[in-house]
Amino acid sequence: MKPFIDAFTSHPASVNESYVEHLGSACSFAFPMIGAGFACLLHGLFPFLFVTTGSSTIRGLHERMVVNRVRQKNEAPAGTA
């Protein structure tokens, strides 16, 4: 049973989150990505719509996921990063 539970908890623990916290974080990325994907589809059909939505969504999510994570590690007190 432990390997089954570990499949759901090992990755969230590796990023200092519980399973539920990780689910919330993943959803906070998934929904904007789905919306941006839909906007890109509509942009393909109607080039005058959503001209920068896809790229601005990617930049914002990258900022949250990568840049802020690096910034937080660099700002963490000694011995906690």
PDB file of N, CA and C in Angstrom:
ATOM      1  N   MET A   1       0.823  -1.204   0.000  1.00  0.00           N
ATOM      2  CA  MET A   1       0.000   0.000   0.000  1.00  0.00           C
ATOM      3  C   MET A   1       0.864   1.264   0.000  1.00  0.00           C
ATOM      4  N   LYS A   2       2.013   1.211   0.687  1.00  0.00           N
ATOM      5  CA  LYS A   2       2.882   2.379   0.756  1.00  0.00           C
ATOM      6  C   LYS A   2       3.358   2.841  -0.619  1.00  0.00           C
ATOM      7  N   PRO A   3       3.778   1.935  -1.526  1.00  0.00           N
ATOM      8  CA  PRO A   3       4.189   2.414  -2.851  1.00  0.00           C
ATOM      9  C   PRO A   3       3.059   3.152  -3.580  1.00  0.00           C
ATOM     10  N   PHE A   4       1.833   2.730  -3.368  1.00  0.00           N
ATOM     11  CA  PHE A   4       0.682   3.393  -3.986  1.00  0.00           C
ATOM     12  C   PHE A   4       0.543   4.805  -3.443  1.00  0.00           C
ATOM     13  N   ILE A   5       0.640   4.969  -2.139  1.00  0.00           N
ATOM     14  CA  ILE A   5       0.533   6.298  -1.518  1.00  0.00           C
ATOM     15  C   ILE A   5       1.709   7.161  -1.931  1.00  0.00           C
ATOM     16  N   ASP A   6       2.904   6.572  -1.966  1.00  0.00           N
ATOM     17  CA  ASP A   6       4.102   7.322  -2.369  1.00  0.00           C
ATOM     18  C   ASP A   6       3.978   7.880  -3.781  1.00  0.00           C
ATOM     19  N   ALA A   7       3.264   7.179  -4.649  1.00  0.00           N
ATOM     20  CA  ALA A   7       3.076   7.660  -6.015  1.00  0.00           C
ATOM     21  C   ALA A   7       2.345   9.004  -6.032  1.00  0.00           C
ATOM     22  N   PHE A   8       1.512   9.243  -5.025  1.00  0.00           N
ATOM     23  CA  PHE A   8       0.751  10.485  -4.953  1.00  0.00           C
ATOM     24  C   PHE A   8       1.409  11.557  -4.099  1.00  0.00           C
ATOM     25  N   THR A   9       2.362  11.185  -3.273  1.00  0.00           N
ATOM     26  CA  THR A   9       2.915  12.146  -2.325  1.00  0.00           C
ATOM     27  C   THR A   9       4.392  12.480  -2.528  1.00  0.00           C
ATOM     28  N   SER A  10       5.141  11.655  -3.234  1.00  0.00           N
ATOM     29  CA  SER A  10       6.590  11.899  -3.322  1.00  0.00           C
ATOM     30  C   SER A  10       6.919  13.163  -4.110  1.00  0.00           C
ATOM     31  N   HIS A  11       6.298  13.369  -5.260  1.00  0.00           N
ATOM     32  CA  HIS A  11       6.604  14.592  -6.011  1.00  0.00           C
ATOM     33  C   HIS A  11       6.127  15.841  -5.273  1.00  0.00           C
ATOM     34  N   PRO A  12       4.889  15.900  -4.777  1.00  0.00           N
ATOM     35  CA  PRO A  12       4.502  17.094  -4.015  1.00  0.00           C
ATOM     36  C   PRO A  12       5.455  17.381  -2.855  1.00  0.00           C
ATOM     37  N   ALA A  13       5.892  16.341  -2.173  1.00  0.00           N
ATOM     38  CA  ALA A  13       6.829  16.542  -1.058  1.00  0.00           C
ATOM     39  C   ALA A  13       8.159  17.107  -1.552  1.00  0.00           C
ATOM     40  N   SER A  14       8.559  16.731  -2.772  1.00  0.00           N
ATOM     41  CA  SER A  14       9.839  17.218  -3.301  1.00  0.00           C
ATOM     42  C   SER A  14       9.815  18.714  -3.595  1.00  0.00           C
ATOM     43  N   VAL A  15       8.627  19.301  -3.692  1.00  0.00           N
ATOM     44  CA  VAL A  15       8.498  20.747  -3.891  1.00  0.00           C
ATOM     45  C   VAL A  15       7.851  21.402  -2.667  1.00  0.00           C
ATOM     46  N   ASN A  16       7.983  20.722  -1.533  1.00  0.00           N
ATOM     47  CA  ASN A  16       7.502  21.226  -0.233  1.00  0.00           C
ATOM     48  C   ASN A  16       6.016  21.555  -0.229  1.00  0.00           C
ATOM     49  N   GLU A  17       5.204  20.663  -0.810  1.00  0.00           N
ATOM     50  CA  GLU A  17       3.760  20.832  -0.808  1.00  0.00           C
ATOM     51  C   GLU A  17       3.105  19.534  -0.389  1.00  0.00           C
ATOM     52  N   SER A  18       1.914  19.655   0.193  1.00  0.00           N
ATOM     53  CA  SER A  18       1.100  18.474   0.431  1.00  0.00           C
ATOM     54  C   SER A  18       0.437  18.087  -0.884  1.00  0.00           C
ATOM     55  N   TYR A  19      -0.215  16.935  -0.909  1.00  0.00           N
ATOM     56  CA  TYR A  19      -0.924  16.518  -2.113  1.00  0.00           C
ATOM     57  C   TYR A  19      -1.974  17.548  -2.505  1.00  0.00           C
ATOM     58  N   VAL A  20      -2.759  18.024  -1.545  1.00  0.00           N
ATOM     59  CA  VAL A  20      -3.835  18.981  -1.821  1.00  0.00           C
ATOM     60  C   VAL A  20      -3.260  20.331  -2.269  1.00  0.00           C
ATOM     61  N   GLU A  21      -2.176  20.784  -1.635  1.00  0.00           N
ATOM     62  CA  GLU A  21      -1.534  22.034  -2.061  1.00  0.00           C
ATOM     63  C   GLU A  21      -1.032  21.912  -3.498  1.00  0.00           C
ATOM     64  N   HIS A  22      -0.434  20.753  -3.809  1.00  0.00           N
ATOM     65  CA  HIS A  22       0.092  20.541  -5.152  1.00  0.00           C
ATOM     66  C   HIS A  22      -1.044  20.492  -6.179  1.00  0.00           C
ATOM     67  N   LEU A  23      -2.135  19.874  -5.822  1.00  0.00           N
ATOM     68  CA  LEU A  23      -3.304  19.839  -6.702  1.00  0.00           C
ATOM     69  C   LEU A  23      -3.791  21.252  -6.990  1.00  0.00           C
ATOM     70  N   GLY A  24      -3.879  22.073  -5.960  1.00  0.00           N
ATOM     71  CA  GLY A  24      -4.301  23.462  -6.147  1.00  0.00           C
ATOM     72  C   GLY A  24      -3.343  24.238  -7.016  1.00  0.00           C
ATOM     73  N   SER A  25      -2.060  24.045  -6.785  1.00  0.00           N
ATOM     74  CA  SER A  25      -1.045  24.734  -7.591  1.00  0.00           C
ATOM     75  C   SER A  25      -1.122  24.289  -9.050  1.00  0.00           C
ATOM     76  N   ALA A  26      -1.258  22.989  -9.268  1.00  0.00           N
ATOM     77  CA  ALA A  26      -1.359  22.478 -10.633  1.00  0.00           C
ATOM     78  C   ALA A  26      -2.593  23.033 -11.335  1.00  0.00           C
ATOM     79  N   CYS A  27      -3.702  23.117 -10.617  1.00  0.00           N
ATOM     80  CA  CYS A  27      -4.924  23.673 -11.208  1.00  0.00           C
ATOM     81  C   CYS A  27      -4.750  25.154 -11.528  1.00  0.00           C
ATOM     82  N   SER A  28      -3.996  25.857 -10.691  1.00  0.00           N
ATOM     83  CA  SER A  28      -3.791  27.286 -10.936  1.00  0.00           C
ATOM     84  C   SER A  28      -2.942  27.521 -12.184  1.00  0.00           C
ATOM     85  N   PHE A  29      -2.238  26.493 -12.651  1.00  0.00           N
ATOM     86  CA  PHE A  29      -1.520  26.563 -13.924  1.00  0.00           C
ATOM     87  C   PHE A  29      -2.377  26.001 -15.057  1.00  0.00           C
ATOM     88  N   ALA A  30      -3.111  24.941 -14.774  1.00  0.00           N
ATOM     89  CA  ALA A  30      -3.880  24.262 -15.814  1.00  0.00           C
ATOM     90  C   ALA A  30      -4.964  25.147 -16.412  1.00  0.00           C
ATOM     91  N   PHE A  31      -5.729  25.824 -15.565  1.00  0.00           N
ATOM     92  CA  PHE A  31      -6.845  26.609 -16.089  1.00  0.00           C
ATOM     93  C   PHE A  31      -6.397  27.769 -16.982  1.00  0.00           C
ATOM     94  N   PRO A  32      -5.370  28.531 -16.592  1.00  0.00           N
ATOM     95  CA  PRO A  32      -4.880  29.559 -17.532  1.00  0.00           C
ATOM     96  C   PRO A  32      -4.334  28.953 -18.831  1.00  0.00           C
ATOM     97  N   MET A  33      -3.695  27.787 -18.740  1.00  0.00           N
ATOM     98  CA  MET A  33      -3.170  27.148 -19.945  1.00  0.00           C
ATOM     99  C   MET A  33      -4.300  26.715 -20.872  1.00  0.00           C
ATOM    100  N   ILE A  34      -5.360  26.164 -20.291  1.00  0.00           N
ATOM    101  CA  ILE A  34      -6.511  25.764 -21.102  1.00  0.00           C
ATOM    102  C   ILE A  34      -7.136  26.988 -21.759  1.00  0.00           C
ATOM    103  N   GLY A  35      -7.300  28.056 -20.980  1.00  0.00           N
ATOM    104  CA  GLY A  35      -7.860  29.291 -21.530  1.00  0.00           C
ATOM    105  C   GLY A  35      -6.999  29.862 -22.639  1.00  0.00           C
ATOM    106  N   ALA A  36      -5.684  29.872 -22.430  1.00  0.00           N
ATOM    107  CA  ALA A  36      -4.773  30.398 -23.447  1.00  0.00           C
ATOM    108  C   ALA A  36      -4.789  29.518 -24.687  1.00  0.00           C
ATOM    109  N   GLY A  37      -4.897  28.213 -24.496  1.00  0.00           N
ATOM    110  CA  GLY A  37      -4.980  27.307 -25.640  1.00  0.00           C
ATOM    111  C   GLY A  37      -6.226  27.573 -26.470  1.00  0.00           C
ATOM    112  N   PHE A  38      -7.332  27.793 -25.799  1.00  0.00           N
ATOM    113  CA  PHE A  38      -8.573  28.120 -26.492  1.00  0.00           C
ATOM    114  C   PHE A  38      -8.432  29.456 -27.223  1.00  0.00           C
ATOM    115  N   ALA A  39      -7.800  30.430 -26.559  1.00  0.00           N
ATOM    116  CA  ALA A  39      -7.563  31.727 -27.202  1.00  0.00           C
ATOM    117  C   ALA A  39      -6.682  31.568 -28.440  1.00  0.00           C
ATOM    118  N   CYS A  40      -5.668  30.712 -28.364  1.00  0.00           N
ATOM    119  CA  CYS A  40      -4.798  30.477 -29.520  1.00  0.00           C
ATOM    120  C   CYS A  40      -5.575  29.836 -30.668  1.00  0.00           C
ATOM    121  N   LEU A  41      -6.454  28.911 -30.343  1.00  0.00           N
ATOM    122  CA  LEU A  41      -7.288  28.294 -31.368  1.00  0.00           C
ATOM    123  C   LEU A  41      -8.157  29.344 -32.048  1.00  0.00           C
ATOM    124  N   LEU A  42      -8.790  30.182 -31.249  1.00  0.00           N
ATOM    125  CA  LEU A  42      -9.617  31.251 -31.817  1.00  0.00           C
ATOM    126  C   LEU A  42      -8.766  32.250 -32.613  1.00  0.00           C
ATOM    127  N   HIS A  43      -7.569  32.522 -32.135  1.00  0.00           N
ATOM    128  CA  HIS A  43      -6.660  33.426 -32.857  1.00  0.00           C
ATOM    129  C   HIS A  43      -6.315  32.846 -34.231  1.00  0.00           C
ATOM    130  N   GLY A  44      -6.126  31.537 -34.296  1.00  0.00           N
ATOM    131  CA  GLY A  44      -5.848  30.904 -35.579  1.00  0.00           C
ATOM    132  C   GLY A  44      -6.996  31.098 -36.571  1.00  0.00           C
ATOM    133  N   LEU A  45      -8.216  31.024 -36.069  1.00  0.00           N
ATOM    134  CA  LEU A  45      -9.388  31.210 -36.922  1.00  0.00           C
ATOM    135  C   LEU A  45      -9.656  32.676 -37.230  1.00  0.00           C
ATOM    136  N   PHE A  46      -9.441  33.521 -36.234  1.00  0.00           N
ATOM    137  CA  PHE A  46      -9.709  34.957 -36.336  1.00  0.00           C
ATOM    138  C   PHE A  46      -8.457  35.708 -35.881  1.00  0.00           C
ATOM    139  N   PRO A  47      -7.512  35.946 -36.784  1.00  0.00           N
ATOM    140  CA  PRO A  47      -6.204  36.494 -36.415  1.00  0.00           C
ATOM    141  C   PRO A  47      -6.234  37.831 -35.683  1.00  0.00           C
ATOM    142  N   PHE A  48      -7.335  38.530 -35.723  1.00  0.00           N
ATOM    143  CA  PHE A  48      -7.446  39.815 -35.047  1.00  0.00           C
ATOM    144  C   PHE A  48      -7.849  39.661 -33.580  1.00  0.00           C
ATOM    145  N   LEU A  49      -8.182  38.450 -33.151  1.00  0.00           N
ATOM    146  CA  LEU A  49      -8.547  38.197 -31.750  1.00  0.00           C
ATOM    147  C   LEU A  49      -7.361  37.608 -30.981  1.00  0.00           C
ATOM    148  N   PHE A  50      -7.252  37.937 -29.712  1.00  0.00           N
ATOM    149  CA  PHE A  50      -6.288  37.314 -28.789  1.00  0.00           C
ATOM    150  C   PHE A  50      -4.863  37.311 -29.348  1.00  0.00           C
ATOM    151  N   VAL A  51      -4.425  38.438 -29.843  1.00  0.00           N
ATOM    152  CA  VAL A  51      -3.129  38.546 -30.520  1.00  0.00           C
ATOM    153  C   VAL A  51      -1.964  38.212 -29.580  1.00  0.00           C
ATOM    154  N   THR A  52      -2.049  38.590 -28.321  1.00  0.00           N
ATOM    155  CA  THR A  52      -0.930  38.344 -27.396  1.00  0.00           C
ATOM    156  C   THR A  52      -1.290  37.443 -26.222  1.00  0.00           C
ATOM    157  N   THR A  53      -2.488  36.893 -26.205  1.00  0.00           N
ATOM    158  CA  THR A  53      -2.953  36.113 -25.051  1.00  0.00           C
ATOM    159  C   THR A  53      -2.074  34.900 -24.763  1.00  0.00           C
ATOM    160  N   GLY A  54      -1.773  34.110 -25.788  1.00  0.00           N
ATOM    161  CA  GLY A  54      -0.958  32.909 -25.575  1.00  0.00           C
ATOM    162  C   GLY A  54       0.417  33.234 -25.033  1.00  0.00           C
ATOM    163  N   SER A  55       1.097  34.164 -25.673  1.00  0.00           N
ATOM    164  CA  SER A  55       2.469  34.483 -25.248  1.00  0.00           C
ATOM    165  C   SER A  55       2.490  35.158 -23.880  1.00  0.00           C
ATOM    166  N   SER A  56       1.518  36.018 -23.601  1.00  0.00           N
ATOM    167  CA  SER A  56       1.523  36.670 -22.290  1.00  0.00           C
ATOM    168  C   SER A  56       1.183  35.676 -21.174  1.00  0.00           C
ATOM    169  N   THR A  57       0.338  34.708 -21.475  1.00  0.00           N
ATOM    170  CA  THR A  57       0.032  33.670 -20.485  1.00  0.00           C
ATOM    171  C   THR A  57       1.271  32.832 -20.199  1.00  0.00           C
ATOM    172  N   ILE A  58       1.990  32.451 -21.239  1.00  0.00           N
ATOM    173  CA  ILE A  58       3.215  31.662 -21.066  1.00  0.00           C
ATOM    174  C   ILE A  58       4.238  32.440 -20.238  1.00  0.00           C
ATOM    175  N   ARG A  59       4.417  33.721 -20.553  1.00  0.00           N
ATOM    176  CA  ARG A  59       5.373  34.534 -19.786  1.00  0.00           C
ATOM    177  C   ARG A  59       4.964  34.610 -18.316  1.00  0.00           C
ATOM    178  N   GLY A  60       3.695  34.827 -18.058  1.00  0.00           N
ATOM    179  CA  GLY A  60       3.226  34.923 -16.671  1.00  0.00           C
ATOM    180  C   GLY A  60       3.398  33.625 -15.904  1.00  0.00           C
ATOM    181  N   LEU A  61       3.071  32.511 -16.549  1.00  0.00           N
ATOM    182  CA  LEU A  61       3.225  31.215 -15.880  1.00  0.00           C
ATOM    183  C   LEU A  61       4.706  30.878 -15.674  1.00  0.00           C
ATOM    184  N   HIS A  62       5.538  31.217 -16.634  1.00  0.00           N
ATOM    185  CA  HIS A  62       6.979  31.003 -16.478  1.00  0.00           C
ATOM    186  C   HIS A  62       7.506  31.826 -15.302  1.00  0.00           C
ATOM    187  N   GLU A  63       7.044  33.056 -15.207  1.00  0.00           N
ATOM    188  CA  GLU A  63       7.446  33.920 -14.084  1.00  0.00           C
ATOM    189  C   GLU A  63       7.088  33.261 -12.759  1.00  0.00           C
ATOM    190  N   ARG A  64       5.869  32.768 -12.660  1.00  0.00           N
ATOM    191  CA  ARG A  64       5.429  32.123 -11.414  1.00  0.00           C
ATOM    192  C   ARG A  64       6.195  30.845 -11.124  1.00  0.00           C
ATOM    193  N   MET A  65       6.389  30.021 -12.150  1.00  0.00           N
ATOM    194  CA  MET A  65       6.952  28.692 -11.915  1.00  0.00           C
ATOM    195  C   MET A  65       8.469  28.699 -11.764  1.00  0.00           C
ATOM    196  N   VAL A  66       9.161  29.424 -12.601  1.00  0.00           N
ATOM    197  CA  VAL A  66      10.619  29.341 -12.643  1.00  0.00           C
ATOM    198  C   VAL A  66      11.281  30.525 -11.960  1.00  0.00           C
ATOM    199  N   VAL A  67      10.987  31.713 -12.411  1.00  0.00           N
ATOM    200  CA  VAL A  67      11.690  32.894 -11.919  1.00  0.00           C
ATOM    201  C   VAL A  67      11.408  33.117 -10.439  1.00  0.00           C
ATOM    202  N   ASN A  68      10.155  33.047 -10.023  1.00  0.00           N
ATOM    203  CA  ASN A  68       9.839  33.261  -8.613  1.00  0.00           C
ATOM    204  C   ASN A  68      10.408  32.162  -7.728  1.00  0.00           C
ATOM    205  N   ARG A  69      10.436  30.925  -8.214  1.00  0.00           N
ATOM    206  CA  ARG A  69      11.003  29.828  -7.429  1.00  0.00           C
ATOM    207  C   ARG A  69      12.487  30.076  -7.188  1.00  0.00           C
ATOM    208  N   VAL A  70      13.204  30.495  -8.236  1.00  0.00           N
ATOM    209  CA  VAL A  70      14.634  30.808  -8.095  1.00  0.00           C
ATOM    210  C   VAL A  70      14.809  31.984  -7.150  1.00  0.00           C
ATOM    211  N   ARG A  71      13.980  33.007  -7.288  1.00  0.00           N
ATOM    212  CA  ARG A  71      14.060  34.190  -6.434  1.00  0.00           C
ATOM    213  C   ARG A  71      13.808  33.801  -4.975  1.00  0.00           C
ATOM    214  N   GLN A  72      12.820  32.946  -4.720  1.00  0.00           N
ATOM    215  CA  GLN A  72      12.514  32.525  -3.350  1.00  0.00           C
ATOM    216  C   GLN A  72      13.666  31.743  -2.756  1.00  0.00           C
ATOM    217  N   LYS A  73      14.291  30.880  -3.548  1.00  0.00           N
ATOM    218  CA  LYS A  73      15.440  30.126  -3.036  1.00  0.00           C
ATOM    219  C   LYS A  73      16.582  31.056  -2.679  1.00  0.00           C
ATOM    220  N   ASN A  74      16.803  32.071  -3.515  1.00  0.00           N
ATOM    221  CA  ASN A  74      17.884  33.016  -3.263  1.00  0.00           C
ATOM    222  C   ASN A  74      17.606  33.914  -2.066  1.00  0.00           C
ATOM    223  N   GLU A  75      16.340  34.161  -1.757  1.00  0.00           N
ATOM    224  CA  GLU A  75      15.968  35.037  -0.647  1.00  0.00           C
ATOM    225  C   GLU A  75      15.796  34.267   0.675  1.00  0.00           C
ATOM    226  N   ALA A  76      15.794  32.929   0.602  1.00  0.00           N
ATOM    227  CA  ALA A  76      15.580  32.119   1.803  1.00  0.00           C
ATOM    228  C   ALA A  76      16.729  32.313   2.772  1.00  0.00           C
ATOM    229  N   PRO A  77      16.420  32.322   4.072  1.00  0.00           N
ATOM    230  CA  PRO A  77      17.498  32.423   5.078  1.00  0.00           C
ATOM    231  C   PRO A  77      18.458  31.239   4.967  1.00  0.00           C
ATOM    232  N   ALA A  78      19.676  31.445   5.380  1.00  0.00           N
ATOM    233  CA  ALA A  78      20.698  30.401   5.305  1.00  0.00           C
ATOM    234  C   ALA A  78      20.218  29.130   5.999  1.00  0.00           C
ATOM    235  N   GLY A  79      20.437  27.993   5.308  1.00  0.00           N
ATOM    236  CA  GLY A  79      20.095  26.703   5.878  1.00  0.00           C
ATOM    237  C   GLY A  79      18.668  26.256   5.594  1.00  0.00           C
ATOM    238  N   THR A  80      17.840  27.091   4.893  1.00  0.00           N
ATOM    239  CA  THR A  80      16.468  26.679   4.618  1.00  0.00           C
ATOM    240  C   THR A  80      16.212  26.443   3.148  1.00  0.00           C
ATOM    241  N   ALA A  81      17.147  26.723   2.277  1.00  0.00           N
ATOM    242  CA  ALA A  81      16.925  26.536   0.843  1.00  0.00           C
ATOM    243  C   ALA A  81      17.265  25.124   0.414  1.00  0.00           C
TER     244      ALA A  81
END
